[in-house]
Amino acid sequence: MKNFAQTVIFSAILLSAVPVVQAQSDSSSNNNQAAQASQGSDEPDQPVTAHSDQLKSNQGDALTTAWQMLQSTSQASKPREHVSLLVALGTLGGYKQAEEMITSAMKDNNLDVKLAAVASAGTTEDHAFIPALRIAMEYQAPEVVVTAAASLWKMGDHTGMNVLQGVLTGQMKATSGMLKSGMHTVNRDLHDPSTMATMGAEEGASMLFGPVGIALAAVKFAHPGPSANSPRVIAAGLLASDPNESNQKALIQTLRDKDPFLRLASAKALGKFHGKDVTDALVDGFDDPKPSVRYMSAASYIRVTTPLTPEEVHQTTHKTSKKKPVAKQN
């Protein structure tokens, strides 16, 4: 694993602060896609025993299976799978079990996992994470500190103002510590104009908190290739904002597409829809050969079948915490 979570999240923060408007020529785009494709292979298939047909007739069993899938991965996964899991958990703000898994991952010894957990906490906009994010501000890794500061800021907590000001003024540089740790990918991505333009245009210059979100950004860098930049992938994320019948049918269809990036995007988007056709499609996703698609299908199934009440949503996004960091962790 090539520190993809570090690349994703820190690049995302900087891009969300500075919209990229640079135009690309066709040749530059093609060269960039070729470079991405050469960086690594796609996510390996990990086939599982198919059991979706039985689960479709029993929502309780399907819900239990969804949670068990996420929890078992949280407890016994390799870093690469753990990051994919955290991507899915980032859609479950307000769900206590998801909160516990994300908070636990913030203490993981693996930097990629820790960084993904901090970013996922930010995407949930769940104020229950504020105390843990304040503690993350004390970590030594600058990319974790900046991500925690950005996550807190999105929740209305300005604890990390000095950190963000340091990034703005250049006093806290992306190259100060990360490149010494071997993060050459970050350096390349932040200084390659074609990459910057692609990320800015295709992710709305806001991968971390934008409409497409960290989920697709993380998978894009974990398994680089032209399909990760596909307009179809981005369209899936945008269509989620209007859960009408025609969009639902289209997303159910693309959840069976041969492109795993599109399947992941479709699974995430379907979390905002309802009905048996949706739940059946998501249960089918439990059997997907790609772990990242399975995790997102499980998370979306949880959102669809056990949605938060308006009161729970309000409590999630309006909690306040004055708890200060109690320990410095390395």
Foldseek 3Di string as FASTA:
>chain_A
DQLLLLLLQLQQLVLLVPFDDDDDDPVLLVVVQVVQQVPDAAFDFAFDDDDLVVCLVPVVVLLVVLLVLLVVCLVDHDLVLLLLLLLLLLCVQLDVSSVVSLLVQCQDPDPSSVQSSLLSLLQSLFQVCLQSLLLQCQEPDLSSNSSSCVSCVSLVHNPPVVSVVCPVVVVDPPPPPVVVVVNVVNVCQVPPSSNSNLCSVQCVSRQSHGLLHSNLSSSCSVHPHDVSSDPLLSVLSVCLVPQDDVNLVVLLVQCPPPDVSSVLSSLQSLLSYEDSSSLSSLSSQCRGRRSSSNSNSSSSNCCHPPNDDPVSVCNRSPDDDPDHHDDRDD
